[in-house]
Each structure stands twice: as C-alpha cells, then as structure tokens.
N, C-alpha and C. Protein backbone atom coordinates (compact mmCIF):
# COMPACT_ATOMS: atom_id res chain seq x y z
N MET A 1 -72.60 145.82 54.50
CA MET A 1 -73.84 145.98 53.77
C MET A 1 -74.98 145.46 54.65
N THR A 2 -76.06 146.18 54.67
CA THR A 2 -77.19 145.78 55.51
C THR A 2 -77.91 144.57 54.91
N ASP A 3 -78.68 143.88 55.75
CA ASP A 3 -79.47 142.74 55.27
C ASP A 3 -80.45 143.17 54.20
N SER A 4 -81.02 144.36 54.35
CA SER A 4 -81.97 144.89 53.37
C SER A 4 -81.33 145.01 51.99
N LEU A 5 -80.12 145.53 51.94
CA LEU A 5 -79.43 145.68 50.66
C LEU A 5 -79.03 144.33 50.09
N LYS A 6 -78.61 143.41 50.94
CA LYS A 6 -78.27 142.06 50.49
C LYS A 6 -79.48 141.38 49.85
N LYS A 7 -80.65 141.59 50.44
CA LYS A 7 -81.87 141.00 49.90
C LYS A 7 -82.22 141.59 48.54
N LYS A 8 -81.96 142.88 48.35
CA LYS A 8 -82.21 143.49 47.05
C LYS A 8 -81.29 142.89 45.99
N VAL A 9 -80.03 142.70 46.34
CA VAL A 9 -79.08 142.10 45.41
C VAL A 9 -79.53 140.68 45.05
N GLN A 10 -79.92 139.90 46.03
CA GLN A 10 -80.38 138.54 45.78
C GLN A 10 -81.65 138.52 44.95
N PHE A 11 -82.57 139.45 45.22
CA PHE A 11 -83.81 139.58 44.47
C PHE A 11 -83.51 139.80 42.98
N VAL A 12 -82.63 140.74 42.69
CA VAL A 12 -82.28 141.03 41.30
C VAL A 12 -81.53 139.87 40.67
N ASN A 13 -80.66 139.20 41.41
CA ASN A 13 -79.96 138.03 40.88
C ASN A 13 -80.94 136.94 40.47
N GLU A 14 -81.97 136.72 41.28
CA GLU A 14 -82.97 135.71 40.94
C GLU A 14 -83.76 136.11 39.70
N ILE A 15 -84.10 137.38 39.58
CA ILE A 15 -84.79 137.86 38.38
C ILE A 15 -83.88 137.70 37.16
N SER A 16 -82.61 138.03 37.32
CA SER A 16 -81.66 137.90 36.22
C SER A 16 -81.57 136.46 35.74
N ASN A 17 -81.52 135.53 36.67
CA ASN A 17 -81.45 134.11 36.30
C ASN A 17 -82.66 133.69 35.48
N ALA A 18 -83.83 134.18 35.83
CA ALA A 18 -85.05 133.83 35.10
C ALA A 18 -85.12 134.55 33.75
N VAL A 19 -84.83 135.83 33.74
CA VAL A 19 -84.99 136.64 32.52
C VAL A 19 -83.99 136.24 31.44
N THR A 20 -82.75 136.03 31.80
CA THR A 20 -81.72 135.75 30.78
C THR A 20 -81.95 134.41 30.07
N LYS A 21 -82.76 133.56 30.65
CA LYS A 21 -83.09 132.29 29.99
C LYS A 21 -84.05 132.49 28.82
N VAL A 22 -84.85 133.57 28.85
CA VAL A 22 -85.87 133.76 27.82
C VAL A 22 -85.72 135.08 27.05
N GLN A 23 -84.97 136.01 27.56
CA GLN A 23 -84.81 137.32 26.92
C GLN A 23 -83.46 137.33 26.23
N ALA A 24 -83.45 137.07 24.92
CA ALA A 24 -82.21 136.85 24.18
C ALA A 24 -81.28 138.05 24.14
N ASN A 25 -81.80 139.26 24.23
CA ASN A 25 -80.95 140.45 24.13
C ASN A 25 -80.31 140.86 25.45
N VAL A 26 -80.70 140.24 26.57
CA VAL A 26 -80.17 140.60 27.88
C VAL A 26 -79.17 139.54 28.34
N THR A 27 -77.96 139.99 28.69
CA THR A 27 -76.95 139.04 29.15
C THR A 27 -76.92 138.90 30.67
N SER A 28 -77.27 139.97 31.38
CA SER A 28 -77.34 139.90 32.84
C SER A 28 -78.03 141.14 33.39
N ILE A 29 -78.51 141.00 34.62
CA ILE A 29 -79.10 142.12 35.35
C ILE A 29 -78.43 142.14 36.71
N GLN A 30 -77.96 143.30 37.11
CA GLN A 30 -77.22 143.42 38.37
C GLN A 30 -77.83 144.50 39.25
N TYR A 31 -77.66 144.34 40.54
CA TYR A 31 -77.98 145.40 41.50
C TYR A 31 -76.67 145.72 42.19
N ARG A 32 -76.10 146.87 41.88
CA ARG A 32 -74.78 147.22 42.37
C ARG A 32 -74.90 148.32 43.43
N ILE A 33 -74.16 148.16 44.50
CA ILE A 33 -74.21 149.09 45.62
C ILE A 33 -72.80 149.63 45.87
N PHE A 34 -72.69 150.94 45.97
CA PHE A 34 -71.42 151.60 46.21
C PHE A 34 -71.49 152.41 47.49
N LYS A 35 -70.47 152.24 48.31
CA LYS A 35 -70.37 152.95 49.59
C LYS A 35 -69.39 154.10 49.42
N ASN A 36 -69.79 155.29 49.86
CA ASN A 36 -68.91 156.44 49.82
C ASN A 36 -67.95 156.34 51.00
N LEU A 37 -66.66 156.39 50.72
CA LEU A 37 -65.64 156.22 51.75
C LEU A 37 -65.41 157.47 52.59
N ASN A 38 -65.98 158.59 52.17
CA ASN A 38 -65.80 159.85 52.90
C ASN A 38 -66.92 160.14 53.88
N TYR A 39 -68.04 159.43 53.77
CA TYR A 39 -69.20 159.69 54.62
C TYR A 39 -69.71 158.38 55.21
N ILE A 40 -70.10 158.40 56.45
CA ILE A 40 -70.64 157.21 57.10
C ILE A 40 -72.05 156.97 56.57
N ASP A 41 -72.34 155.72 56.24
CA ASP A 41 -73.68 155.29 55.81
C ASP A 41 -74.21 156.02 54.59
N TYR A 42 -73.36 156.38 53.64
CA TYR A 42 -73.82 156.98 52.40
C TYR A 42 -73.54 156.01 51.27
N THR A 43 -74.60 155.51 50.67
CA THR A 43 -74.46 154.56 49.58
C THR A 43 -75.30 155.00 48.39
N LYS A 44 -74.97 154.46 47.23
CA LYS A 44 -75.78 154.63 46.02
C LYS A 44 -76.07 153.23 45.48
N GLU A 45 -77.31 153.04 45.05
CA GLU A 45 -77.76 151.75 44.53
C GLU A 45 -78.09 151.91 43.05
N TYR A 46 -77.61 150.97 42.24
CA TYR A 46 -77.83 151.02 40.80
C TYR A 46 -78.37 149.70 40.30
N LEU A 47 -79.36 149.79 39.44
CA LEU A 47 -79.82 148.65 38.66
C LEU A 47 -79.11 148.74 37.32
N VAL A 48 -78.47 147.65 36.90
CA VAL A 48 -77.74 147.63 35.64
C VAL A 48 -78.25 146.46 34.81
N ILE A 49 -78.75 146.77 33.62
CA ILE A 49 -79.18 145.74 32.69
C ILE A 49 -78.16 145.72 31.56
N ASN A 50 -77.48 144.59 31.39
CA ASN A 50 -76.45 144.44 30.37
C ASN A 50 -77.05 143.72 29.16
N TYR A 51 -76.78 144.29 27.97
CA TYR A 51 -77.32 143.75 26.73
C TYR A 51 -76.23 143.12 25.88
N LYS A 52 -76.64 142.22 25.00
CA LYS A 52 -75.70 141.67 24.02
C LYS A 52 -75.13 142.83 23.22
N GLY A 53 -73.86 142.77 22.94
CA GLY A 53 -73.20 143.84 22.20
C GLY A 53 -72.50 144.85 23.10
N GLY A 54 -72.74 144.79 24.43
CA GLY A 54 -72.01 145.63 25.36
C GLY A 54 -72.75 146.84 25.92
N ALA A 55 -73.90 147.18 25.39
CA ALA A 55 -74.65 148.31 25.94
C ALA A 55 -75.20 147.95 27.31
N ARG A 56 -75.50 148.97 28.10
CA ARG A 56 -76.11 148.72 29.40
C ARG A 56 -77.04 149.87 29.77
N THR A 57 -78.12 149.51 30.42
CA THR A 57 -79.03 150.49 30.99
C THR A 57 -78.68 150.63 32.46
N VAL A 58 -78.59 151.85 32.93
CA VAL A 58 -78.29 152.13 34.33
C VAL A 58 -79.44 152.96 34.89
N ARG A 59 -79.96 152.52 36.03
CA ARG A 59 -81.00 153.27 36.73
C ARG A 59 -80.58 153.43 38.18
N ILE A 60 -80.62 154.65 38.68
CA ILE A 60 -80.34 154.90 40.09
C ILE A 60 -81.56 154.42 40.86
N CYS A 61 -81.35 153.51 41.80
CA CYS A 61 -82.47 152.91 42.54
C CYS A 61 -82.31 153.03 44.05
N SER A 62 -81.53 153.98 44.52
CA SER A 62 -81.31 154.15 45.96
C SER A 62 -82.64 154.28 46.69
N GLY A 63 -82.87 153.37 47.62
CA GLY A 63 -84.08 153.41 48.43
C GLY A 63 -85.32 152.84 47.78
N ASN A 64 -85.21 152.32 46.57
CA ASN A 64 -86.38 151.79 45.89
C ASN A 64 -86.88 150.50 46.54
N SER A 65 -88.17 150.29 46.45
CA SER A 65 -88.79 149.05 46.93
C SER A 65 -88.55 147.94 45.90
N TYR A 66 -88.87 146.72 46.29
CA TYR A 66 -88.73 145.59 45.38
C TYR A 66 -89.62 145.77 44.15
N SER A 67 -90.84 146.23 44.36
CA SER A 67 -91.75 146.40 43.22
C SER A 67 -91.26 147.50 42.29
N ALA A 68 -90.66 148.57 42.83
CA ALA A 68 -90.12 149.63 41.99
C ALA A 68 -88.93 149.12 41.18
N ILE A 69 -88.09 148.31 41.78
CA ILE A 69 -86.96 147.73 41.06
C ILE A 69 -87.47 146.81 39.95
N PHE A 70 -88.45 145.99 40.27
CA PHE A 70 -89.03 145.08 39.27
C PHE A 70 -89.65 145.87 38.11
N GLU A 71 -90.31 146.97 38.42
CA GLU A 71 -90.90 147.80 37.38
C GLU A 71 -89.82 148.37 36.46
N GLU A 72 -88.70 148.82 37.04
CA GLU A 72 -87.59 149.34 36.23
C GLU A 72 -87.04 148.25 35.31
N ILE A 73 -86.89 147.06 35.83
CA ILE A 73 -86.39 145.95 35.01
C ILE A 73 -87.34 145.71 33.84
N SER A 74 -88.62 145.61 34.12
CA SER A 74 -89.59 145.29 33.06
C SER A 74 -89.64 146.38 31.98
N LYS A 75 -89.42 147.64 32.35
CA LYS A 75 -89.47 148.73 31.37
C LYS A 75 -88.34 148.65 30.36
N TYR A 76 -87.20 148.10 30.77
CA TYR A 76 -86.01 148.20 29.93
C TYR A 76 -85.50 146.87 29.39
N LEU A 77 -86.33 145.86 29.37
CA LEU A 77 -85.89 144.59 28.79
C LEU A 77 -85.75 144.68 27.27
N ASP A 78 -86.64 145.43 26.64
CA ASP A 78 -86.62 145.52 25.18
C ASP A 78 -86.04 146.82 24.64
N ARG A 79 -85.71 147.74 25.51
CA ARG A 79 -85.14 149.00 25.05
C ARG A 79 -84.22 149.56 26.12
N GLY A 80 -83.19 150.24 25.69
CA GLY A 80 -82.23 150.79 26.63
C GLY A 80 -82.59 152.18 27.10
N TYR A 81 -81.92 152.60 28.16
CA TYR A 81 -82.04 153.94 28.73
C TYR A 81 -80.64 154.33 29.17
N TYR A 82 -80.14 155.45 28.69
CA TYR A 82 -78.72 155.74 28.88
C TYR A 82 -78.43 157.05 29.61
N ALA A 83 -79.44 157.76 30.06
CA ALA A 83 -79.23 159.07 30.69
C ALA A 83 -78.49 158.99 32.02
N GLU A 84 -78.55 157.87 32.72
CA GLU A 84 -77.88 157.75 34.03
C GLU A 84 -76.59 156.95 33.96
N GLU A 85 -76.17 156.59 32.76
CA GLU A 85 -74.95 155.84 32.57
C GLU A 85 -73.73 156.59 33.09
N TYR A 86 -73.67 157.89 32.86
CA TYR A 86 -72.50 158.67 33.26
C TYR A 86 -72.33 158.69 34.78
N ASP A 87 -73.42 158.71 35.53
CA ASP A 87 -73.33 158.73 36.99
C ASP A 87 -72.60 157.49 37.50
N LEU A 88 -72.96 156.32 36.98
CA LEU A 88 -72.29 155.09 37.39
C LEU A 88 -70.85 155.07 36.88
N TYR A 89 -70.66 155.51 35.66
CA TYR A 89 -69.31 155.57 35.09
C TYR A 89 -68.39 156.42 35.97
N ASP A 90 -68.90 157.56 36.44
CA ASP A 90 -68.11 158.45 37.29
C ASP A 90 -67.74 157.76 38.60
N ILE A 91 -68.66 157.04 39.18
CA ILE A 91 -68.38 156.31 40.43
C ILE A 91 -67.35 155.21 40.19
N GLU A 92 -67.48 154.49 39.10
CA GLU A 92 -66.52 153.41 38.78
C GLU A 92 -65.11 153.96 38.58
N ARG A 93 -65.00 155.18 38.12
CA ARG A 93 -63.70 155.81 37.88
C ARG A 93 -63.05 156.38 39.13
N HIS A 94 -63.75 156.36 40.27
CA HIS A 94 -63.22 156.96 41.49
C HIS A 94 -63.22 155.97 42.66
N PRO A 95 -62.40 154.93 42.56
CA PRO A 95 -62.35 153.94 43.65
C PRO A 95 -61.79 154.51 44.95
N GLU A 96 -61.15 155.66 44.89
CA GLU A 96 -60.64 156.29 46.11
C GLU A 96 -61.79 156.89 46.93
N THR A 97 -62.93 157.10 46.30
CA THR A 97 -64.09 157.67 46.97
C THR A 97 -65.22 156.67 47.13
N TRP A 98 -65.37 155.77 46.16
CA TRP A 98 -66.48 154.83 46.14
C TRP A 98 -65.98 153.40 46.13
N GLN A 99 -66.51 152.59 47.02
CA GLN A 99 -66.15 151.18 47.10
C GLN A 99 -67.40 150.34 46.81
N GLU A 100 -67.28 149.43 45.85
CA GLU A 100 -68.44 148.59 45.57
C GLU A 100 -68.59 147.54 46.66
N GLU A 101 -69.81 147.42 47.15
CA GLU A 101 -70.14 146.43 48.16
C GLU A 101 -70.52 145.13 47.43
N VAL A 102 -69.92 144.05 47.83
CA VAL A 102 -70.16 142.76 47.18
C VAL A 102 -70.60 141.76 48.22
N ILE A 103 -71.65 140.99 47.88
CA ILE A 103 -72.06 139.94 48.82
C ILE A 103 -71.56 138.59 48.33
C-alpha cells in the first residue's frame, strides 16, 4: 500500500475516533482499500460508515482528496446511503480476486 493510501486510512481513523465519541448512531468509520490480484496497481477505495443496528453506508472513494472524503463523512452521519453497498459486498465475496490491504 502506498504512503498516500496509508495516510487516507489514518485520516479516516482519526475522524472516526472523534465522531464516535459524540455521534451516538455511528459505531465506526473505516477507509477500506482492496487490491485486485489480477491486475498490477489496481485498487478500489471505500469509505464505510457503520451504524448502530448493523446498517452501513458505503461510498466508493477511489482517488478522492481528504476534503472529498471528509465531505462524504459529514453527509452521512445522520442518514444512510445504500446504493453502493452491493459493490463492496461483491468484492468481499471474492477474496480470490480482491485482497484487502491492511495497515
């Protein structure tokens, strides 16, 4: 994983630590990165906001800036968005093709 991607993960982790202390309906916020095992340097980046009760908002954020990621977080603290959930679900179901990068 590149330093740039590691910094995005750390950025979102820090926001998650601050937000979950005051936003009762949010249990965690993650920045998840998946590497395609069939292509060199092909990754997908996802912002995942997890809510109490098990729901989650998924936003594809590949290539987004820090401010764009922050804007996505702020939009979905009080309401969910579920149209991109299936894309992440499909990647999670195919570990033979997609490997999650973890720092």
